[in-house]
C-alpha atoms as a PDB file:
ATOM      1  CA  MET A   1     101.189 105.750  70.886  1.00  0.00           C
ATOM      2  CA  THR A   2      99.573 105.906  74.305  1.00  0.00           C
ATOM      3  CA  SER A   3      96.905 103.454  75.394  1.00  0.00           C
ATOM      4  CA  SER A   4      93.322 104.663  75.611  1.00  0.00           C
ATOM      5  CA  ALA A   5      92.753 102.755  78.849  1.00  0.00           C
ATOM      6  CA  PRO A   6      94.040 104.081  82.176  1.00  0.00           C
ATOM      7  CA  VAL A   7      96.885 102.082  83.664  1.00  0.00           C
ATOM      8  CA  ALA A   8      95.844 100.399  86.891  1.00  0.00           C
ATOM      9  CA  VAL A   9      97.909 101.151  89.972  1.00  0.00           C
ATOM     10  CA  SER A  10      99.028  97.811  91.324  1.00  0.00           C
ATOM     11  CA  ALA A  11      99.244  97.138  95.025  1.00  0.00           C
ATOM     12  CA  SER A  12     102.718  98.634  94.718  1.00  0.00           C
ATOM     13  CA  VAL A  13     103.936 101.764  92.975  1.00  0.00           C
ATOM     14  CA  LEU A  14     107.383 100.181  93.177  1.00  0.00           C
ATOM     15  CA  ASP A  15     106.392  97.597  90.565  1.00  0.00           C
ATOM     16  CA  LEU A  16     105.088  99.882  87.796  1.00  0.00           C
ATOM     17  CA  ALA A  17     108.488 100.531  86.198  1.00  0.00           C
ATOM     18  CA  PRO A  18     112.168 100.348  87.163  1.00  0.00           C
ATOM     19  CA  VAL A  19     112.440 104.140  87.111  1.00  0.00           C
ATOM     20  CA  VAL A  20     110.021 106.837  88.262  1.00  0.00           C
ATOM     21  CA  PRO A  21     110.738 110.174  86.552  1.00  0.00           C
ATOM     22  CA  VAL A  22     110.893 113.037  89.055  1.00  0.00           C
ATOM     23  CA  VAL A  23     109.486 116.005  87.179  1.00  0.00           C
ATOM     24  CA  VAL A  24     109.730 119.722  88.000  1.00  0.00           C
ATOM     25  CA  LEU A  25     107.529 121.791  85.685  1.00  0.00           C
ATOM     26  CA  GLU A  26     107.580 125.565  85.461  1.00  0.00           C
ATOM     27  CA  ASP A  27     104.884 125.610  82.770  1.00  0.00           C
ATOM     28  CA  ALA A  28     101.823 123.369  83.019  1.00  0.00           C
ATOM     29  CA  ALA A  29     101.506 123.502  79.228  1.00  0.00           C
ATOM     30  CA  ASP A  30     104.509 121.179  79.047  1.00  0.00           C
ATOM     31  CA  ALA A  31     102.896 118.539  81.248  1.00  0.00           C
ATOM     32  CA  VAL A  32     100.903 116.599  78.671  1.00  0.00           C
ATOM     33  CA  PRO A  33     103.549 116.327  75.910  1.00  0.00           C
ATOM     34  CA  LEU A  34     106.194 115.479  78.508  1.00  0.00           C
ATOM     35  CA  ALA A  35     104.019 112.779  80.067  1.00  0.00           C
ATOM     36  CA  ARG A  36     103.172 111.336  76.645  1.00  0.00           C
ATOM     37  CA  ALA A  37     106.878 111.113  75.821  1.00  0.00           C
ATOM     38  CA  LEU A  38     107.649 109.367  79.113  1.00  0.00           C
ATOM     39  CA  VAL A  39     104.802 106.880  78.670  1.00  0.00           C
ATOM     40  CA  ALA A  40     105.841 106.191  75.080  1.00  0.00           C
ATOM     41  CA  GLY A  41     109.332 105.469  76.382  1.00  0.00           C
ATOM     42  CA  GLY A  42     107.997 102.916  78.851  1.00  0.00           C
ATOM     43  CA  LEU A  43     107.822 104.954  82.068  1.00  0.00           C
ATOM     44  CA  PRO A  44     104.138 105.230  83.071  1.00  0.00           C
ATOM     45  CA  ALA A  45     104.648 106.308  86.710  1.00  0.00           C
ATOM     46  CA  ILE A  46     105.426 110.041  86.786  1.00  0.00           C
ATOM     47  CA  GLU A  47     106.120 112.002  89.968  1.00  0.00           C
ATOM     48  CA  VAL A  48     105.301 115.690  89.559  1.00  0.00           C
ATOM     49  CA  THR A  49     106.933 117.547  92.431  1.00  0.00           C
ATOM     50  CA  LEU A  50     105.162 120.337  94.290  1.00  0.00           C
ATOM     51  CA  ARG A  51     108.114 122.665  93.869  1.00  0.00           C
ATOM     52  CA  THR A  52     106.490 125.085  91.429  1.00  0.00           C
ATOM     53  CA  ALA A  53     103.232 126.978  91.088  1.00  0.00           C
ATOM     54  CA  ALA A  54     102.458 124.930  87.971  1.00  0.00           C
ATOM     55  CA  ALA A  55     102.516 121.550  89.738  1.00  0.00           C
ATOM     56  CA  LEU A  56      98.812 121.129  90.551  1.00  0.00           C
ATOM     57  CA  ASP A  57      97.731 122.217  87.073  1.00  0.00           C
ATOM     58  CA  ALA A  58     100.314 119.828  85.606  1.00  0.00           C
ATOM     59  CA  ILE A  59      98.911 116.930  87.639  1.00  0.00           C
ATOM     60  CA  ARG A  60      95.359 117.816  86.548  1.00  0.00           C
ATOM     61  CA  ALA A  61      96.352 117.942  82.891  1.00  0.00           C
ATOM     62  CA  ILE A  62      98.221 114.631  82.923  1.00  0.00           C
ATOM     63  CA  ALA A  63      95.428 112.895  84.835  1.00  0.00           C
ATOM     64  CA  ALA A  64      92.841 114.167  82.348  1.00  0.00           C
ATOM     65  CA  GLU A  65      94.702 113.820  79.068  1.00  0.00           C
ATOM     66  CA  VAL A  66      97.289 111.026  79.342  1.00  0.00           C
ATOM     67  CA  PRO A  67      95.426 107.827  80.242  1.00  0.00           C
ATOM     68  CA  GLY A  68      98.581 105.744  79.890  1.00  0.00           C
ATOM     69  CA  ALA A  69     100.237 107.688  82.707  1.00  0.00           C
ATOM     70  CA  VAL A  70     100.050 107.028  86.432  1.00  0.00           C
ATOM     71  CA  VAL A  71     100.641 110.544  87.710  1.00  0.00           C
ATOM     72  CA  GLY A  72     101.762 111.061  91.277  1.00  0.00           C
ATOM     73  CA  ALA A  73     102.667 114.008  93.461  1.00  0.00           C
ATOM     74  CA  GLY A  74     106.078 114.482  94.986  1.00  0.00           C
ATOM     75  CA  THR A  75     107.395 116.781  97.725  1.00  0.00           C
ATOM     76  CA  VAL A  76     104.165 116.168  99.651  1.00  0.00           C
ATOM     77  CA  ILE A  77     104.850 117.604 103.110  1.00  0.00           C
ATOM     78  CA  SER A  78     101.430 118.469 104.604  1.00  0.00           C
ATOM     79  CA  PRO A  79      97.873 117.148 104.857  1.00  0.00           C
ATOM     80  CA  ALA A  80      96.842 120.078 102.637  1.00  0.00           C
ATOM     81  CA  HIS A  81      99.212 118.818  99.937  1.00  0.00           C
ATOM     82  CA  VAL A  82      97.634 115.378 100.220  1.00  0.00           C
ATOM     83  CA  SER A  83      94.086 116.639  99.696  1.00  0.00           C
ATOM     84  CA  GLN A  84      95.031 119.132  96.960  1.00  0.00           C
ATOM     85  CA  THR A  85      96.988 116.639  94.899  1.00  0.00           C
ATOM     86  CA  VAL A  86      94.517 113.757  95.196  1.00  0.00           C
ATOM     87  CA  THR A  87      91.714 116.133  94.192  1.00  0.00           C
ATOM     88  CA  ALA A  88      93.822 117.168  91.203  1.00  0.00           C
ATOM     89  CA  GLY A  89      94.135 113.533  90.126  1.00  0.00           C
ATOM     90  CA  ALA A  90      97.334 112.261  91.754  1.00  0.00           C
ATOM     91  CA  ARG A  91      97.279 108.465  91.940  1.00  0.00           C
ATOM     92  CA  PHE A  92     100.207 108.112  94.329  1.00  0.00           C
ATOM     93  CA  LEU A  93     102.011 110.346  96.829  1.00  0.00           C
ATOM     94  CA  VAL A  94     105.700 110.727  97.630  1.00  0.00           C
ATOM     95  CA  SER A  95     107.153 112.654 100.559  1.00  0.00           C
ATOM     96  CA  PRO A  96     110.786 113.554 101.314  1.00  0.00           C
ATOM     97  CA  GLY A  97     110.177 112.700 104.988  1.00  0.00           C
ATOM     98  CA  TRP A  98     107.256 112.012 107.294  1.00  0.00           C
ATOM     99  CA  THR A  99     105.528 112.852 110.549  1.00  0.00           C
ATOM    100  CA  ASP A 100     102.623 111.037 112.171  1.00  0.00           C
ATOM    101  CA  THR A 101     100.272 113.791 111.002  1.00  0.00           C
ATOM    102  CA  LEU A 102     101.419 113.539 107.400  1.00  0.00           C
ATOM    103  CA  LEU A 103     101.419 109.751 107.498  1.00  0.00           C
ATOM    104  CA  GLU A 104      97.821 109.614 108.724  1.00  0.00           C
ATOM    105  CA  ALA A 105      96.741 111.982 105.944  1.00  0.00           C
ATOM    106  CA  MET A 106      98.473 109.852 103.326  1.00  0.00           C
ATOM    107  CA  LYS A 107      96.939 106.672 104.748  1.00  0.00           C
ATOM    108  CA  ALA A 108      93.489 108.264 104.614  1.00  0.00           C
ATOM    109  CA  SER A 109      93.946 109.474 101.030  1.00  0.00           C
ATOM    110  CA  GLY A 110      92.987 106.183  99.425  1.00  0.00           C
ATOM    111  CA  VAL A 111      95.999 106.187  97.086  1.00  0.00           C
ATOM    112  CA  PRO A 112      99.394 104.459  97.445  1.00  0.00           C
ATOM    113  CA  PHE A 113     102.130 106.502  99.100  1.00  0.00           C
ATOM    114  CA  LEU A 114     105.882 106.406  99.689  1.00  0.00           C
ATOM    115  CA  PRO A 115     106.981 108.256 102.851  1.00  0.00           C
ATOM    116  CA  GLY A 116     110.592 109.374 102.821  1.00  0.00           C
ATOM    117  CA  VAL A 117     113.251 107.909 105.127  1.00  0.00           C
ATOM    118  CA  SER A 118     116.997 108.288 105.511  1.00  0.00           C
ATOM    119  CA  THR A 119     117.723 106.478 108.794  1.00  0.00           C
ATOM    120  CA  THR A 120     117.211 103.000 110.197  1.00  0.00           C
ATOM    121  CA  SER A 121     115.070 104.356 113.031  1.00  0.00           C
ATOM    122  CA  GLU A 122     112.684 105.986 110.543  1.00  0.00           C
ATOM    123  CA  VAL A 123     112.368 102.689 108.681  1.00  0.00           C
ATOM    124  CA  VAL A 124     111.626 100.786 111.892  1.00  0.00           C
ATOM    125  CA  ALA A 125     109.077 103.426 112.942  1.00  0.00           C
ATOM    126  CA  LEU A 126     107.222 103.026 109.642  1.00  0.00           C
ATOM    127  CA  LEU A 127     107.306  99.241 109.886  1.00  0.00           C
ATOM    128  CA  GLU A 128     105.764  99.616 113.352  1.00  0.00           C
ATOM    129  CA  ARG A 129     102.949 101.569 111.704  1.00  0.00           C
ATOM    130  CA  GLY A 130     102.358  98.934 109.045  1.00  0.00           C
ATOM    131  CA  VAL A 131     104.152 100.718 106.192  1.00  0.00           C
ATOM    132  CA  THR A 132     106.603  98.552 104.238  1.00  0.00           C
ATOM    133  CA  GLU A 133     107.218 100.660 101.105  1.00  0.00           C
ATOM    134  CA  MET A 134     109.232 103.861 101.363  1.00  0.00           C
ATOM    135  CA  LYS A 135     111.254 106.452  99.521  1.00  0.00           C
ATOM    136  CA  PHE A 136     114.937 106.473 100.499  1.00  0.00           C
ATOM    137  CA  PHE A 137     115.988 110.124 100.267  1.00  0.00           C
ATOM    138  CA  PRO A 138     118.402 111.724  99.630  1.00  0.00           C
ATOM    139  CA  ALA A 139     119.780 108.424  98.392  1.00  0.00           C
ATOM    140  CA  GLU A 140     123.357 109.272  97.465  1.00  0.00           C
ATOM    141  CA  ALA A 141     123.898 111.686 100.354  1.00  0.00           C
ATOM    142  CA  ALA A 142     122.327 109.282 102.877  1.00  0.00           C
ATOM    143  CA  GLY A 143     124.606 106.344 102.123  1.00  0.00           C
ATOM    144  CA  GLY A 144     123.573 105.057  98.726  1.00  0.00           C
ATOM    145  CA  THR A 145     123.667 101.393  97.809  1.00  0.00           C
ATOM    146  CA  ALA A 146     125.935 100.470 100.719  1.00  0.00           C
ATOM    147  CA  TYR A 147     123.370 101.755 103.226  1.00  0.00           C
ATOM    148  CA  LEU A 148     120.437 100.000 101.561  1.00  0.00           C
ATOM    149  CA  LYS A 149     122.405  96.764 101.279  1.00  0.00           C
ATOM    150  CA  ALA A 150     123.106  96.943 105.027  1.00  0.00           C
ATOM    151  CA  LEU A 151     119.361  97.337 105.754  1.00  0.00           C
ATOM    152  CA  ALA A 152     118.314  94.322 103.698  1.00  0.00           C
ATOM    153  CA  SER A 153     119.369  91.690 106.232  1.00  0.00           C
ATOM    154  CA  PRO A 154     117.851  93.036 109.469  1.00  0.00           C
ATOM    155  CA  LEU A 155     114.825  94.664 107.764  1.00  0.00           C
ATOM    156  CA  PRO A 156     113.976  92.481 104.754  1.00  0.00           C
ATOM    157  CA  GLN A 157     110.302  93.479 104.853  1.00  0.00           C
ATOM    158  CA  ALA A 158     111.125  97.090 103.903  1.00  0.00           C
ATOM    159  CA  ARG A 159     111.199  97.975 100.193  1.00  0.00           C
ATOM    160  CA  PHE A 160     112.490 101.229  98.779  1.00  0.00           C
ATOM    161  CA  CYS A 161     112.424 103.695  95.920  1.00  0.00           C
ATOM    162  CA  PRO A 162     115.777 105.466  96.310  1.00  0.00           C
ATOM    163  CA  THR A 163     115.745 109.035  94.978  1.00  0.00           C
ATOM    164  CA  GLY A 164     118.279 111.849  95.103  1.00  0.00           C
ATOM    165  CA  GLY A 165     121.472 112.051  93.081  1.00  0.00           C
ATOM    166  CA  ILE A 166     120.789 108.873  91.097  1.00  0.00           C
ATOM    167  CA  SER A 167     121.879 108.800  87.453  1.00  0.00           C
ATOM    168  CA  ALA A 168     121.584 106.449  84.506  1.00  0.00           C
ATOM    169  CA  ALA A 169     125.034 105.140  85.444  1.00  0.00           C
ATOM    170  CA  SER A 170     124.259 104.468  89.111  1.00  0.00           C
ATOM    171  CA  ALA A 171     120.664 103.257  88.783  1.00  0.00           C
ATOM    172  CA  PRO A 172     121.535  99.633  87.886  1.00  0.00           C
ATOM    173  CA  SER A 173     123.506  99.168  91.116  1.00  0.00           C
ATOM    174  CA  TYR A 174     120.439 100.247  93.103  1.00  0.00           C
ATOM    175  CA  LEU A 175     118.060  98.089  91.060  1.00  0.00           C
ATOM    176  CA  ALA A 176     120.260  95.050  91.712  1.00  0.00           C
ATOM    177  CA  LEU A 177     119.494  95.235  95.448  1.00  0.00           C
ATOM    178  CA  PRO A 178     116.772  92.887  96.751  1.00  0.00           C
ATOM    179  CA  ASN A 179     115.059  95.634  98.775  1.00  0.00           C
ATOM    180  CA  VAL A 180     114.817  98.135  95.901  1.00  0.00           C
ATOM    181  CA  GLY A 181     111.710  98.051  93.722  1.00  0.00           C
ATOM    182  CA  CYS A 182     112.489 101.067  91.564  1.00  0.00           C
ATOM    183  CA  VAL A 183     114.504 104.281  91.613  1.00  0.00           C
ATOM    184  CA  GLY A 184     113.486 107.896  91.168  1.00  0.00           C
ATOM    185  CA  GLY A 185     115.461 110.253  88.985  1.00  0.00           C
ATOM    186  CA  SER A 186     115.326 113.204  86.654  1.00  0.00           C
ATOM    187  CA  TRP A 187     118.039 112.398  84.123  1.00  0.00           C
ATOM    188  CA  MET A 188     115.447 111.444  81.492  1.00  0.00           C
ATOM    189  CA  VAL A 189     113.773 114.868  81.793  1.00  0.00           C
ATOM    190  CA  PRO A 190     116.746 117.242  81.476  1.00  0.00           C
ATOM    191  CA  GLY A 191     115.865 120.901  81.824  1.00  0.00           C
ATOM    192  CA  ASP A 192     117.279 121.860  78.445  1.00  0.00           C
ATOM    193  CA  ALA A 193     115.167 119.220  76.669  1.00  0.00           C
ATOM    194  CA  VAL A 194     112.009 120.418  78.413  1.00  0.00           C
ATOM    195  CA  ALA A 195     112.842 124.066  77.642  1.00  0.00           C
ATOM    196  CA  ALA A 196     113.394 123.171  73.980  1.00  0.00           C
ATOM    197  CA  LYS A 197     110.250 120.976  73.977  1.00  0.00           C
ATOM    198  CA  ASP A 198     112.425 118.173  72.628  1.00  0.00           C
ATOM    199  CA  TRP A 199     109.972 115.415  73.468  1.00  0.00           C
ATOM    200  CA  ALA A 200     111.687 112.960  71.124  1.00  0.00           C
ATOM    201  CA  ARG A 201     114.821 113.221  73.262  1.00  0.00           C
ATOM    202  CA  VAL A 202     112.779 112.703  76.433  1.00  0.00           C
ATOM    203  CA  GLU A 203     111.158 109.628  74.910  1.00  0.00           C
ATOM    204  CA  ARG A 204     114.569 108.226  73.917  1.00  0.00           C
ATOM    205  CA  LEU A 205     116.001 108.792  77.394  1.00  0.00           C
ATOM    206  CA  ALA A 206     112.874 107.269  78.955  1.00  0.00           C
ATOM    207  CA  ALA A 207     113.222 104.181  76.776  1.00  0.00           C
ATOM    208  CA  GLU A 208     116.827 103.774  77.914  1.00  0.00           C
ATOM    209  CA  ALA A 209     115.747 104.164  81.536  1.00  0.00           C
ATOM    210  CA  SER A 210     112.888 101.673  81.196  1.00  0.00           C
ATOM    211  CA  ALA A 211     115.409  99.077  80.016  1.00  0.00           C
ATOM    212  CA  LEU A 212     117.399  99.343  83.263  1.00  0.00           C
ATOM    213  CA  GLY A 213     115.340  96.687  85.054  1.00  0.00           C
ATOM    214  CA  ARG A 214     117.001  93.565  86.358  1.00  0.00           C
ATOM    215  CA  ASP A 215     118.110  90.984  83.856  1.00  0.00           C
END
């Protein structure tokens, strides 16, 4: 059962749950039951990606009808995306990469954000601009746990949400790293389960994912 009170966004999106579901919705009608299943499974932070025409309506529906969820927008790549998604109810923003223009829009949005990085220089550039929390993307293709482990010593102030190619099997190795707050993934929202509206399966997979936090 979902709580009737909205979940507060802490100072850090990275601390809401060990896993942030990365959701691609073709039909906004699926948004509310999917979000309820994820929240019931212990994953309140939900990233709805702007990869489909249904995304903004999905964000609106979750924000309005699932108070236990902290709905965010993913694949944010322009200032227009920032304003559209925050107006729709997004409570955090995630980008696959960043520019100064996009970064300024996200900073001005009033909600937490995770700009995407895949190189050391991008991390240093964000630290220069006062940003310490980032999305590491595409995680597996960009060097995975070995890369993030190598960054921890020279750049301990940077914290990451690795996303891209991460599975239930590989997530624990990321979560064991000191500079990883959470991981993003879609294995708990498989396309066939969403198509079949098998929300019980989604809830079960979410519960397994929520238990992946550090011992």
